[in-house]
Amino acid sequence: MAAKRWDLGRSGEALAAAHLSSRGWTVLARNFRAGPKEIDLVVSRGGVVAFVEVKTRATATGGTPLEPIGRAKRRLVVAAARRWIHEHGRPGTTYRFDAIGVAVRGEEVSIEHIPDAWRPG
């Protein structure tokens, strides 16, 4: 079961990356790790770098794909983003945190992108 969930998550991340790419975003990193912390996607467009948390669901049970992005998960993403900025950041860049929910229902896929989904705090 864990392997299927991992495959679903990786598939969702690939779908999210393709979705963003089709809208003019450049994928700078996938699964950027800072110790145990991870950012699913780091993307850029027009002076903005977005750190993107992707959640994928294959069933309607358990709520929407975006519901599991709680306070603890956001803190981990923010910590990893600080590391990414330290290593790769450039002056004049705007940084934000986005969330993407991918719902897979058989052959049908829907993607919900929430730009600037949260602020560090």
PDB file of N, CA and C in Angstrom:
ATOM      1  N   MET A   1       0.817  -1.188   0.000  1.00  0.00           N
ATOM      2  CA  MET A   1       0.000   0.000   0.000  1.00  0.00           C
ATOM      3  C   MET A   1       0.866   1.260   0.000  1.00  0.00           C
ATOM      4  N   ALA A   2       1.959   1.255   0.783  1.00  0.00           N
ATOM      5  CA  ALA A   2       2.826   2.428   0.851  1.00  0.00           C
ATOM      6  C   ALA A   2       3.449   2.731  -0.510  1.00  0.00           C
ATOM      7  N   ALA A   3       3.822   1.695  -1.265  1.00  0.00           N
ATOM      8  CA  ALA A   3       4.407   1.919  -2.586  1.00  0.00           C
ATOM      9  C   ALA A   3       3.393   2.569  -3.523  1.00  0.00           C
ATOM     10  N   LYS A   4       2.139   2.135  -3.453  1.00  0.00           N
ATOM     11  CA  LYS A   4       1.109   2.742  -4.297  1.00  0.00           C
ATOM     12  C   LYS A   4       0.909   4.202  -3.941  1.00  0.00           C
ATOM     13  N   ARG A   5       0.904   4.520  -2.642  1.00  0.00           N
ATOM     14  CA  ARG A   5       0.738   5.900  -2.205  1.00  0.00           C
ATOM     15  C   ARG A   5       1.912   6.740  -2.686  1.00  0.00           C
ATOM     16  N   TRP A   6       3.142   6.193  -2.593  1.00  0.00           N
ATOM     17  CA  TRP A   6       4.330   6.904  -3.050  1.00  0.00           C
ATOM     18  C   TRP A   6       4.238   7.144  -4.553  1.00  0.00           C
ATOM     19  N   ASP A   7       3.843   6.117  -5.321  1.00  0.00           N
ATOM     20  CA  ASP A   7       3.692   6.265  -6.773  1.00  0.00           C
ATOM     21  C   ASP A   7       2.644   7.314  -7.103  1.00  0.00           C
ATOM     22  N   LEU A   8       1.533   7.310  -6.378  1.00  0.00           N
ATOM     23  CA  LEU A   8       0.475   8.294  -6.606  1.00  0.00           C
ATOM     24  C   LEU A   8       1.003   9.695  -6.328  1.00  0.00           C
ATOM     25  N   GLY A   9       1.744   9.850  -5.240  1.00  0.00           N
ATOM     26  CA  GLY A   9       2.317  11.151  -4.899  1.00  0.00           C
ATOM     27  C   GLY A   9       3.281  11.644  -5.953  1.00  0.00           C
ATOM     28  N   ARG A  10       4.145  10.772  -6.416  1.00  0.00           N
ATOM     29  CA  ARG A  10       5.118  11.156  -7.459  1.00  0.00           C
ATOM     30  C   ARG A  10       4.398  11.474  -8.766  1.00  0.00           C
ATOM     31  N   SER A  11       3.364  10.725  -9.086  1.00  0.00           N
ATOM     32  CA  SER A  11       2.574  11.010 -10.289  1.00  0.00           C
ATOM     33  C   SER A  11       1.903  12.372 -10.171  1.00  0.00           C
ATOM     34  N   GLY A  12       1.360  12.669  -8.997  1.00  0.00           N
ATOM     35  CA  GLY A  12       0.733  13.959  -8.764  1.00  0.00           C
ATOM     36  C   GLY A  12       1.720  15.101  -8.908  1.00  0.00           C
ATOM     37  N   GLU A  13       2.929  14.904  -8.396  1.00  0.00           N
ATOM     38  CA  GLU A  13       3.964  15.930  -8.527  1.00  0.00           C
ATOM     39  C   GLU A  13       4.333  16.151  -9.996  1.00  0.00           C
ATOM     40  N   ALA A  14       4.416  15.064 -10.763  1.00  0.00           N
ATOM     41  CA  ALA A  14       4.717  15.192 -12.194  1.00  0.00           C
ATOM     42  C   ALA A  14       3.591  15.932 -12.922  1.00  0.00           C
ATOM     43  N   LEU A  15       2.338  15.625 -12.582  1.00  0.00           N
ATOM     44  CA  LEU A  15       1.203  16.322 -13.184  1.00  0.00           C
ATOM     45  C   LEU A  15       1.207  17.797 -12.807  1.00  0.00           C
ATOM     46  N   ALA A  16       1.520  18.094 -11.558  1.00  0.00           N
ATOM     47  CA  ALA A  16       1.589  19.486 -11.109  1.00  0.00           C
ATOM     48  C   ALA A  16       2.704  20.237 -11.826  1.00  0.00           C
ATOM     49  N   ALA A  17       3.862  19.603 -11.983  1.00  0.00           N
ATOM     50  CA  ALA A  17       4.979  20.237 -12.690  1.00  0.00           C
ATOM     51  C   ALA A  17       4.602  20.526 -14.142  1.00  0.00           C
ATOM     52  N   ALA A  18       3.940  19.574 -14.795  1.00  0.00           N
ATOM     53  CA  ALA A  18       3.507  19.779 -16.185  1.00  0.00           C
ATOM     54  C   ALA A  18       2.477  20.906 -16.268  1.00  0.00           C
ATOM     55  N   HIS A  19       1.563  20.942 -15.298  1.00  0.00           N
ATOM     56  CA  HIS A  19       0.543  21.998 -15.243  1.00  0.00           C
ATOM     57  C   HIS A  19       1.207  23.372 -15.139  1.00  0.00           C
ATOM     58  N   LEU A  20       2.167  23.500 -14.225  1.00  0.00           N
ATOM     59  CA  LEU A  20       2.853  24.776 -14.048  1.00  0.00           C
ATOM     60  C   LEU A  20       3.688  25.136 -15.277  1.00  0.00           C
ATOM     61  N   SER A  21       4.379  24.154 -15.840  1.00  0.00           N
ATOM     62  CA  SER A  21       5.187  24.392 -17.039  1.00  0.00           C
ATOM     63  C   SER A  21       4.332  24.900 -18.191  1.00  0.00           C
ATOM     64  N   SER A  22       3.135  24.346 -18.328  1.00  0.00           N
ATOM     65  CA  SER A  22       2.247  24.771 -19.419  1.00  0.00           C
ATOM     66  C   SER A  22       1.750  26.204 -19.219  1.00  0.00           C
ATOM     67  N   ARG A  23       1.932  26.731 -18.022  1.00  0.00           N
ATOM     68  CA  ARG A  23       1.529  28.104 -17.720  1.00  0.00           C
ATOM     69  C   ARG A  23       2.724  29.050 -17.587  1.00  0.00           C
ATOM     70  N   GLY A  24       3.859  28.617 -18.123  1.00  0.00           N
ATOM     71  CA  GLY A  24       5.024  29.490 -18.191  1.00  0.00           C
ATOM     72  C   GLY A  24       5.989  29.426 -17.026  1.00  0.00           C
ATOM     73  N   TRP A  25       5.760  28.528 -16.069  1.00  0.00           N
ATOM     74  CA  TRP A  25       6.677  28.378 -14.948  1.00  0.00           C
ATOM     75  C   TRP A  25       7.828  27.463 -15.356  1.00  0.00           C
ATOM     76  N   THR A  26       9.007  27.729 -14.822  1.00  0.00           N
ATOM     77  CA  THR A  26      10.177  26.879 -15.020  1.00  0.00           C
ATOM     78  C   THR A  26      10.413  26.101 -13.736  1.00  0.00           C
ATOM     79  N   VAL A  27      10.540  24.806 -13.856  1.00  0.00           N
ATOM     80  CA  VAL A  27      10.809  23.973 -12.680  1.00  0.00           C
ATOM     81  C   VAL A  27      12.306  24.054 -12.380  1.00  0.00           C
ATOM     82  N   LEU A  28      12.620  24.596 -11.210  1.00  0.00           N
ATOM     83  CA  LEU A  28      14.011  24.723 -10.777  1.00  0.00           C
ATOM     84  C   LEU A  28      14.470  23.506  -9.991  1.00  0.00           C
ATOM     85  N   ALA A  29      13.555  22.893  -9.255  1.00  0.00           N
ATOM     86  CA  ALA A  29      13.914  21.725  -8.449  1.00  0.00           C
ATOM     87  C   ALA A  29      12.665  20.905  -8.165  1.00  0.00           C
ATOM     88  N   ARG A  30      12.869  19.599  -8.080  1.00  0.00           N
ATOM     89  CA  ARG A  30      11.831  18.669  -7.630  1.00  0.00           C
ATOM     90  C   ARG A  30      12.359  17.966  -6.397  1.00  0.00           C
ATOM     91  N   ASN A  31      11.516  17.870  -5.389  1.00  0.00           N
ATOM     92  CA  ASN A  31      11.863  17.173  -4.159  1.00  0.00           C
ATOM     93  C   ASN A  31      13.167  17.692  -3.546  1.00  0.00           C
ATOM     94  N   PHE A  32      13.259  19.017  -3.430  1.00  0.00           N
ATOM     95  CA  PHE A  32      14.423  19.634  -2.787  1.00  0.00           C
ATOM     96  C   PHE A  32      14.421  19.270  -1.313  1.00  0.00           C
ATOM     97  N   ARG A  33      15.539  18.702  -0.860  1.00  0.00           N
ATOM     98  CA  ARG A  33      15.631  18.244   0.527  1.00  0.00           C
ATOM     99  C   ARG A  33      16.592  19.124   1.330  1.00  0.00           C
ATOM    100  N   ALA A  34      16.172  19.400   2.536  1.00  0.00           N
ATOM    101  CA  ALA A  34      17.014  20.076   3.516  1.00  0.00           C
ATOM    102  C   ALA A  34      16.890  19.239   4.790  1.00  0.00           C
ATOM    103  N   GLY A  35      17.747  18.236   4.917  1.00  0.00           N
ATOM    104  CA  GLY A  35      17.605  17.288   6.021  1.00  0.00           C
ATOM    105  C   GLY A  35      16.308  16.512   5.822  1.00  0.00           C
ATOM    106  N   PRO A  36      15.487  16.399   6.863  1.00  0.00           N
ATOM    107  CA  PRO A  36      14.232  15.649   6.732  1.00  0.00           C
ATOM    108  C   PRO A  36      13.111  16.462   6.073  1.00  0.00           C
ATOM    109  N   LYS A  37      13.384  17.721   5.792  1.00  0.00           N
ATOM    110  CA  LYS A  37      12.370  18.599   5.207  1.00  0.00           C
ATOM    111  C   LYS A  37      12.456  18.529   3.689  1.00  0.00           C
ATOM    112  N   GLU A  38      11.307  18.704   3.027  1.00  0.00           N
ATOM    113  CA  GLU A  38      11.304  18.594   1.570  1.00  0.00           C
ATOM    114  C   GLU A  38      10.301  19.568   0.964  1.00  0.00           C
ATOM    115  N   ILE A  39      10.678  20.104  -0.188  1.00  0.00           N
ATOM    116  CA  ILE A  39       9.770  20.914  -1.001  1.00  0.00           C
ATOM    117  C   ILE A  39       9.504  20.105  -2.257  1.00  0.00           C
ATOM    118  N   ASP A  40       8.232  19.895  -2.575  1.00  0.00           N
ATOM    119  CA  ASP A  40       7.896  19.076  -3.743  1.00  0.00           C
ATOM    120  C   ASP A  40       8.392  19.705  -5.034  1.00  0.00           C
ATOM    121  N   LEU A  41       8.078  20.991  -5.235  1.00  0.00           N
ATOM    122  CA  LEU A  41       8.503  21.692  -6.453  1.00  0.00           C
ATOM    123  C   LEU A  41       8.975  23.094  -6.110  1.00  0.00           C
ATOM    124  N   VAL A  42      10.036  23.516  -6.768  1.00  0.00           N
ATOM    125  CA  VAL A  42      10.466  24.909  -6.723  1.00  0.00           C
ATOM    126  C   VAL A  42      10.386  25.390  -8.158  1.00  0.00           C
ATOM    127  N   VAL A  43       9.572  26.421  -8.389  1.00  0.00           N
ATOM    128  CA  VAL A  43       9.336  26.910  -9.754  1.00  0.00           C
ATOM    129  C   VAL A  43       9.549  28.414  -9.808  1.00  0.00           C
ATOM    130  N   SER A  44       9.834  28.924 -11.018  1.00  0.00           N
ATOM    131  CA  SER A  44      10.025  30.367 -11.163  1.00  0.00           C
ATOM    132  C   SER A  44       9.344  30.872 -12.426  1.00  0.00           C
ATOM    133  N   ARG A  45       8.951  32.142 -12.351  1.00  0.00           N
ATOM    134  CA  ARG A  45       8.377  32.839 -13.503  1.00  0.00           C
ATOM    135  C   ARG A  45       8.397  34.327 -13.184  1.00  0.00           C
ATOM    136  N   GLY A  46       8.980  35.102 -14.080  1.00  0.00           N
ATOM    137  CA  GLY A  46       8.936  36.556 -13.968  1.00  0.00           C
ATOM    138  C   GLY A  46       9.389  37.134 -12.642  1.00  0.00           C
ATOM    139  N   GLY A  47      10.506  36.689 -12.109  1.00  0.00           N
ATOM    140  CA  GLY A  47      11.020  37.246 -10.865  1.00  0.00           C
ATOM    141  C   GLY A  47      10.378  36.689  -9.603  1.00  0.00           C
ATOM    142  N   VAL A  48       9.521  35.688  -9.753  1.00  0.00           N
ATOM    143  CA  VAL A  48       8.872  35.050  -8.603  1.00  0.00           C
ATOM    144  C   VAL A  48       9.348  33.604  -8.513  1.00  0.00           C
ATOM    145  N   VAL A  49       9.734  33.199  -7.326  1.00  0.00           N
ATOM    146  CA  VAL A  49      10.027  31.794  -7.056  1.00  0.00           C
ATOM    147  C   VAL A  49       8.941  31.300  -6.115  1.00  0.00           C
ATOM    148  N   ALA A  50       8.293  30.205  -6.507  1.00  0.00           N
ATOM    149  CA  ALA A  50       7.246  29.602  -5.681  1.00  0.00           C
ATOM    150  C   ALA A  50       7.722  28.248  -5.173  1.00  0.00           C
ATOM    151  N   PHE A  51       7.530  28.048  -3.883  1.00  0.00           N
ATOM    152  CA  PHE A  51       7.789  26.765  -3.253  1.00  0.00           C
ATOM    153  C   PHE A  51       6.431  26.081  -3.178  1.00  0.00           C
ATOM    154  N   VAL A  52       6.312  24.944  -3.856  1.00  0.00           N
ATOM    155  CA  VAL A  52       4.995  24.339  -4.063  1.00  0.00           C
ATOM    156  C   VAL A  52       4.868  23.015  -3.315  1.00  0.00           C
ATOM    157  N   GLU A  53       3.835  22.937  -2.487  1.00  0.00           N
ATOM    158  CA  GLU A  53       3.479  21.686  -1.825  1.00  0.00           C
ATOM    159  C   GLU A  53       2.373  21.047  -2.652  1.00  0.00           C
ATOM    160  N   VAL A  54       2.574  19.789  -3.047  1.00  0.00           N
ATOM    161  CA  VAL A  54       1.615  19.075  -3.891  1.00  0.00           C
ATOM    162  C   VAL A  54       1.007  17.939  -3.077  1.00  0.00           C
ATOM    163  N   LYS A  55      -0.308  17.852  -3.097  1.00  0.00           N
ATOM    164  CA  LYS A  55      -1.017  16.748  -2.453  1.00  0.00           C
ATOM    165  C   LYS A  55      -1.915  16.094  -3.487  1.00  0.00           C
ATOM    166  N   THR A  56      -1.894  14.769  -3.523  1.00  0.00           N
ATOM    167  CA  THR A  56      -2.650  14.011  -4.509  1.00  0.00           C
ATOM    168  C   THR A  56      -3.574  13.035  -3.804  1.00  0.00           C
ATOM    169  N   ARG A  57      -4.777  12.928  -4.313  1.00  0.00           N
ATOM    170  CA  ARG A  57      -5.764  11.973  -3.802  1.00  0.00           C
ATOM    171  C   ARG A  57      -6.353  11.200  -4.977  1.00  0.00           C
ATOM    172  N   ALA A  58      -6.629   9.918  -4.730  1.00  0.00           N
ATOM    173  CA  ALA A  58      -7.226   9.075  -5.772  1.00  0.00           C
ATOM    174  C   ALA A  58      -8.680   8.758  -5.475  1.00  0.00           C
ATOM    175  N   THR A  59      -9.164   9.153  -4.315  1.00  0.00           N
ATOM    176  CA  THR A  59     -10.567   8.898  -3.970  1.00  0.00           C
ATOM    177  C   THR A  59     -11.171  10.154  -3.366  1.00  0.00           C
ATOM    178  N   ALA A  60     -12.481  10.188  -3.321  1.00  0.00           N
ATOM    179  CA  ALA A  60     -13.178  11.333  -2.726  1.00  0.00           C
ATOM    180  C   ALA A  60     -13.211  11.237  -1.203  1.00  0.00           C
ATOM    181  N   THR A  61     -12.929  10.055  -0.661  1.00  0.00           N
ATOM    182  CA  THR A  61     -12.945   9.922   0.798  1.00  0.00           C
ATOM    183  C   THR A  61     -11.710  10.599   1.376  1.00  0.00           C
ATOM    184  N   GLY A  62     -11.855  11.113   2.564  1.00  0.00           N
ATOM    185  CA  GLY A  62     -10.710  11.753   3.209  1.00  0.00           C
ATOM    186  C   GLY A  62     -10.583  13.227   2.883  1.00  0.00           C
ATOM    187  N   GLY A  63     -11.558  13.811   2.194  1.00  0.00           N
ATOM    188  CA  GLY A  63     -11.527  15.245   1.913  1.00  0.00           C
ATOM    189  C   GLY A  63     -10.797  15.590   0.637  1.00  0.00           C
ATOM    190  N   THR A  64     -10.573  16.878   0.463  1.00  0.00           N
ATOM    191  CA  THR A  64      -9.899  17.364  -0.746  1.00  0.00           C
ATOM    192  C   THR A  64      -8.401  17.126  -0.624  1.00  0.00           C
ATOM    193  N   PRO A  65      -7.691  17.133  -1.750  1.00  0.00           N
ATOM    194  CA  PRO A  65      -6.248  16.911  -1.671  1.00  0.00           C
ATOM    195  C   PRO A  65      -5.516  17.966  -0.846  1.00  0.00           C
ATOM    196  N   LEU A  66      -6.044  19.187  -0.774  1.00  0.00           N
ATOM    197  CA  LEU A  66      -5.325  20.258  -0.099  1.00  0.00           C
ATOM    198  C   LEU A  66      -5.505  20.272   1.415  1.00  0.00           C
ATOM    199  N   GLU A  67      -6.479  19.548   1.941  1.00  0.00           N
ATOM    200  CA  GLU A  67      -6.736  19.573   3.382  1.00  0.00           C
ATOM    201  C   GLU A  67      -5.552  19.152   4.254  1.00  0.00           C
ATOM    202  N   PRO A  68      -4.711  18.192   3.842  1.00  0.00           N
ATOM    203  CA  PRO A  68      -3.614  17.767   4.732  1.00  0.00           C
ATOM    204  C   PRO A  68      -2.475  18.771   4.881  1.00  0.00           C
ATOM    205  N   ILE A  69      -2.520  19.897   4.191  1.00  0.00           N
ATOM    206  CA  ILE A  69      -1.424  20.864   4.300  1.00  0.00           C
ATOM    207  C   ILE A  69      -1.691  21.746   5.517  1.00  0.00           C
ATOM    208  N   GLY A  70      -1.390  21.194   6.664  1.00  0.00           N
ATOM    209  CA  GLY A  70      -1.633  21.883   7.924  1.00  0.00           C
ATOM    210  C   GLY A  70      -0.440  22.710   8.367  1.00  0.00           C
ATOM    211  N   ARG A  71      -0.567  23.246   9.553  1.00  0.00           N
ATOM    212  CA  ARG A  71       0.457  24.146  10.104  1.00  0.00           C
ATOM    213  C   ARG A  71       1.825  23.475  10.199  1.00  0.00           C
ATOM    214  N   ALA A  72       1.869  22.238  10.665  1.00  0.00           N
ATOM    215  CA  ALA A  72       3.158  21.544  10.821  1.00  0.00           C
ATOM    216  C   ALA A  72       3.829  21.347   9.465  1.00  0.00           C
ATOM    217  N   LYS A  73       3.064  20.933   8.471  1.00  0.00           N
ATOM    218  CA  LYS A  73       3.632  20.723   7.131  1.00  0.00           C
ATOM    219  C   LYS A  73       4.129  22.048   6.555  1.00  0.00           C
ATOM    220  N   ARG A  74       3.357  23.106   6.745  1.00  0.00           N
ATOM    221  CA  ARG A  74       3.772  24.424   6.235  1.00  0.00           C
ATOM    222  C   ARG A  74       5.086  24.858   6.876  1.00  0.00           C
ATOM    223  N   ARG A  75       5.237  24.603   8.171  1.00  0.00           N
ATOM    224  CA  ARG A  75       6.492  24.966   8.852  1.00  0.00           C
ATOM    225  C   ARG A  75       7.686  24.222   8.248  1.00  0.00           C
ATOM    226  N   LEU A  76       7.501  22.945   7.938  1.00  0.00           N
ATOM    227  CA  LEU A  76       8.592  22.170   7.332  1.00  0.00           C
ATOM    228  C   LEU A  76       8.958  22.716   5.954  1.00  0.00           C
ATOM    229  N   VAL A  77       7.954  23.065   5.168  1.00  0.00           N
ATOM    230  CA  VAL A  77       8.208  23.619   3.836  1.00  0.00           C
ATOM    231  C   VAL A  77       8.931  24.960   3.952  1.00  0.00           C
ATOM    232  N   VAL A  78       8.500  25.794   4.878  1.00  0.00           N
ATOM    233  CA  VAL A  78       9.147  27.096   5.083  1.00  0.00           C
ATOM    234  C   VAL A  78      10.612  26.910   5.478  1.00  0.00           C
ATOM    235  N   ALA A  79      10.895  25.965   6.366  1.00  0.00           N
ATOM    236  CA  ALA A  79      12.279  25.711   6.781  1.00  0.00           C
ATOM    237  C   ALA A  79      13.130  25.262   5.598  1.00  0.00           C
ATOM    238  N   ALA A  80      12.597  24.378   4.770  1.00  0.00           N
ATOM    239  CA  ALA A  80      13.341  23.926   3.584  1.00  0.00           C
ATOM    240  C   ALA A  80      13.522  25.083   2.600  1.00  0.00           C
ATOM    241  N   ALA A  81      12.510  25.940   2.478  1.00  0.00           N
ATOM    242  CA  ALA A  81      12.607  27.089   1.571  1.00  0.00           C
ATOM    243  C   ALA A  81      13.709  28.044   2.010  1.00  0.00           C
ATOM    244  N   ARG A  82      13.831  28.237   3.309  1.00  0.00           N
ATOM    245  CA  ARG A  82      14.911  29.106   3.803  1.00  0.00           C
ATOM    246  C   ARG A  82      16.270  28.556   3.396  1.00  0.00           C
ATOM    247  N   ARG A  83      16.406  27.251   3.446  1.00  0.00           N
ATOM    248  CA  ARG A  83      17.665  26.619   3.011  1.00  0.00           C
ATOM    249  C   ARG A  83      17.873  26.823   1.522  1.00  0.00           C
ATOM    250  N   TRP A  84      16.807  26.631   0.726  1.00  0.00           N
ATOM    251  CA  TRP A  84      16.915  26.821  -0.727  1.00  0.00           C
ATOM    252  C   TRP A  84      17.316  28.265  -1.034  1.00  0.00           C
ATOM    253  N   ILE A  85      16.695  29.223  -0.366  1.00  0.00           N
ATOM    254  CA  ILE A  85      17.019  30.634  -0.594  1.00  0.00           C
ATOM    255  C   ILE A  85      18.469  30.912  -0.220  1.00  0.00           C
ATOM    256  N   HIS A  86      18.929  30.351   0.889  1.00  0.00           N
ATOM    257  CA  HIS A  86      20.315  30.525   1.306  1.00  0.00           C
ATOM    258  C   HIS A  86      21.281  29.994   0.237  1.00  0.00           C
ATOM    259  N   GLU A  87      20.942  28.870  -0.371  1.00  0.00           N
ATOM    260  CA  GLU A  87      21.828  28.238  -1.356  1.00  0.00           C
ATOM    261  C   GLU A  87      21.671  28.798  -2.767  1.00  0.00           C
ATOM    262  N   HIS A  88      20.448  29.212  -3.138  1.00  0.00           N
ATOM    263  CA  HIS A  88      20.182  29.560  -4.532  1.00  0.00           C
ATOM    264  C   HIS A  88      19.543  30.927  -4.742  1.00  0.00           C
ATOM    265  N   GLY A  89      19.177  31.608  -3.672  1.00  0.00           N
ATOM    266  CA  GLY A  89      18.424  32.856  -3.790  1.00  0.00           C
ATOM    267  C   GLY A  89      19.214  33.976  -4.450  1.00  0.00           C
ATOM    268  N   ARG A  90      18.455  34.909  -5.021  1.00  0.00           N
ATOM    269  CA  ARG A  90      19.058  36.072  -5.663  1.00  0.00           C
ATOM    270  C   ARG A  90      18.330  37.324  -5.195  1.00  0.00           C
ATOM    271  N   PRO A  91      19.059  38.425  -5.032  1.00  0.00           N
ATOM    272  CA  PRO A  91      18.402  39.675  -4.640  1.00  0.00           C
ATOM    273  C   PRO A  91      17.329  40.074  -5.663  1.00  0.00           C
ATOM    274  N   GLY A  92      16.266  40.666  -5.180  1.00  0.00           N
ATOM    275  CA  GLY A  92      15.202  41.137  -6.059  1.00  0.00           C
ATOM    276  C   GLY A  92      14.153  40.089  -6.401  1.00  0.00           C
ATOM    277  N   THR A  93      14.343  38.867  -5.931  1.00  0.00           N
ATOM    278  CA  THR A  93      13.382  37.799  -6.195  1.00  0.00           C
ATOM    279  C   THR A  93      12.268  37.852  -5.155  1.00  0.00           C
ATOM    280  N   THR A  94      11.054  37.632  -5.609  1.00  0.00           N
ATOM    281  CA  THR A  94       9.913  37.507  -4.713  1.00  0.00           C
ATOM    282  C   THR A  94       9.679  36.028  -4.464  1.00  0.00           C
ATOM    283  N   TYR A  95       9.495  35.669  -3.205  1.00  0.00           N
ATOM    284  CA  TYR A  95       9.266  34.274  -2.842  1.00  0.00           C
ATOM    285  C   TYR A  95       7.856  34.116  -2.304  1.00  0.00           C
ATOM    286  N   ARG A  96       7.243  32.981  -2.630  1.00  0.00           N
ATOM    287  CA  ARG A  96       5.913  32.694  -2.099  1.00  0.00           C
ATOM    288  C   ARG A  96       5.737  31.191  -1.946  1.00  0.00           C
ATOM    289  N   PHE A  97       4.653  30.820  -1.260  1.00  0.00           N
ATOM    290  CA  PHE A  97       4.342  29.422  -1.007  1.00  0.00           C
ATOM    291  C   PHE A  97       3.008  29.095  -1.663  1.00  0.00           C
ATOM    292  N   ASP A  98       3.029  28.146  -2.597  1.00  0.00           N
ATOM    293  CA  ASP A  98       1.828  27.731  -3.319  1.00  0.00           C
ATOM    294  C   ASP A  98       1.440  26.319  -2.898  1.00  0.00           C
ATOM    295  N   ALA A  99       0.197  25.986  -3.142  1.00  0.00           N
ATOM    296  CA  ALA A  99      -0.294  24.630  -2.900  1.00  0.00           C
ATOM    297  C   ALA A  99      -1.007  24.156  -4.154  1.00  0.00           C
ATOM    298  N   ILE A 100      -0.807  22.895  -4.481  1.00  0.00           N
ATOM    299  CA  ILE A 100      -1.506  22.291  -5.613  1.00  0.00           C
ATOM    300  C   ILE A 100      -2.137  20.990  -5.138  1.00  0.00           C
ATOM    301  N   GLY A 101      -3.417  20.859  -5.404  1.00  0.00           N
ATOM    302  CA  GLY A 101      -4.137  19.628  -5.126  1.00  0.00           C
ATOM    303  C   GLY A 101      -4.430  18.919  -6.432  1.00  0.00           C
ATOM    304  N   VAL A 102      -4.087  17.644  -6.493  1.00  0.00           N
ATOM    305  CA  VAL A 102      -4.340  16.828  -7.675  1.00  0.00           C
ATOM    306  C   VAL A 102      -5.325  15.740  -7.279  1.00  0.00           C
ATOM    307  N   ALA A 103      -6.472  15.719  -7.930  1.00  0.00           N
ATOM    308  CA  ALA A 103      -7.489  14.694  -7.680  1.00  0.00           C
ATOM    309  C   ALA A 103      -7.545  13.770  -8.888  1.00  0.00           C
ATOM    310  N   VAL A 104      -7.343  12.492  -8.646  1.00  0.00           N
ATOM    311  CA  VAL A 104      -7.369  11.488  -9.709  1.00  0.00           C
ATOM    312  C   VAL A 104      -8.577  10.599  -9.484  1.00  0.00           C
ATOM    313  N   ARG A 105      -9.491  10.610 -10.425  1.00  0.00           N
ATOM    314  CA  ARG A 105     -10.706   9.800 -10.364  1.00  0.00           C
ATOM    315  C   ARG A 105     -10.774   8.971 -11.638  1.00  0.00           C
ATOM    316  N   GLY A 106     -10.229   7.772 -11.583  1.00  0.00           N
ATOM    317  CA  GLY A 106     -10.151   6.939 -12.789  1.00  0.00           C
ATOM    318  C   GLY A 106      -9.222   7.589 -13.793  1.00  0.00           C
ATOM    319  N   GLU A 107      -9.747   7.886 -14.974  1.00  0.00           N
ATOM    320  CA  GLU A 107      -8.953   8.537 -16.022  1.00  0.00           C
ATOM    321  C   GLU A 107      -9.019  10.063 -15.933  1.00  0.00           C
ATOM    322  N   GLU A 108      -9.895  10.579 -15.071  1.00  0.00           N
ATOM    323  CA  GLU A 108     -10.080  12.024 -14.956  1.00  0.00           C
ATOM    324  C   GLU A 108      -9.148  12.599 -13.897  1.00  0.00           C
ATOM    325  N   VAL A 109      -8.477  13.687 -14.255  1.00  0.00           N
ATOM    326  CA  VAL A 109      -7.567  14.362 -13.345  1.00  0.00           C
ATOM    327  C   VAL A 109      -7.982  15.825 -13.247  1.00  0.00           C
ATOM    328  N   SER A 110      -8.069  16.327 -12.018  1.00  0.00           N
ATOM    329  CA  SER A 110      -8.301  17.759 -11.848  1.00  0.00           C
ATOM    330  C   SER A 110      -7.190  18.326 -10.973  1.00  0.00           C
ATOM    331  N   ILE A 111      -6.787  19.539 -11.311  1.00  0.00           N
ATOM    332  CA  ILE A 111      -5.687  20.190 -10.608  1.00  0.00           C
ATOM    333  C   ILE A 111      -6.171  21.539 -10.096  1.00  0.00           C
ATOM    334  N   GLU A 112      -5.972  21.762  -8.806  1.00  0.00           N
ATOM    335  CA  GLU A 112      -6.312  23.040  -8.187  1.00  0.00           C
ATOM    336  C   GLU A 112      -5.027  23.688  -7.692  1.00  0.00           C
ATOM    337  N   HIS A 113      -4.721  24.876  -8.218  1.00  0.00           N
ATOM    338  CA  HIS A 113      -3.504  25.598  -7.850  1.00  0.00           C
ATOM    339  C   HIS A 113      -3.907  26.812  -7.026  1.00  0.00           C
ATOM    340  N   ILE A 114      -3.356  26.914  -5.825  1.00  0.00           N
ATOM    341  CA  ILE A 114      -3.597  28.071  -4.978  1.00  0.00           C
ATOM    342  C   ILE A 114      -2.294  28.855  -4.838  1.00  0.00           C
ATOM    343  N   PRO A 115      -2.161  29.939  -5.612  1.00  0.00           N
ATOM    344  CA  PRO A 115      -0.974  30.776  -5.493  1.00  0.00           C
ATOM    345  C   PRO A 115      -0.953  31.477  -4.128  1.00  0.00           C
ATOM    346  N   ASP A 116       0.246  31.650  -3.586  1.00  0.00           N
ATOM    347  CA  ASP A 116       0.416  32.378  -2.320  1.00  0.00           C
ATOM    348  C   ASP A 116      -0.530  31.805  -1.252  1.00  0.00           C
ATOM    349  N   ALA A 117      -0.508  30.485  -1.113  1.00  0.00           N
ATOM    350  CA  ALA A 117      -1.431  29.762  -0.240  1.00  0.00           C
ATOM    351  C   ALA A 117      -1.239  30.078   1.239  1.00  0.00           C
ATOM    352  N   TRP A 118      -0.026  30.407   1.645  1.00  0.00           N
ATOM    353  CA  TRP A 118       0.231  30.786   3.033  1.00  0.00           C
ATOM    354  C   TRP A 118       1.470  31.647   3.102  1.00  0.00           C
ATOM    355  N   ARG A 119       1.613  32.308   4.219  1.00  0.00           N
ATOM    356  CA  ARG A 119       2.788  33.145   4.491  1.00  0.00           C
ATOM    357  C   ARG A 119       3.508  32.589   5.699  1.00  0.00           C
ATOM    358  N   PRO A 120       4.848  32.651   5.692  1.00  0.00           N
ATOM    359  CA  PRO A 120       5.572  32.177   6.874  1.00  0.00           C
ATOM    360  C   PRO A 120       5.197  33.051   8.072  1.00  0.00           C
ATOM    361  N   GLY A 121       5.144  32.419   9.208  1.00  0.00           N
ATOM    362  CA  GLY A 121       4.776  33.228  10.358  1.00  0.00           C
ATOM    363  C   GLY A 121       5.038  32.598  11.665  1.00  0.00           C
TER     364      GLY A 121
END
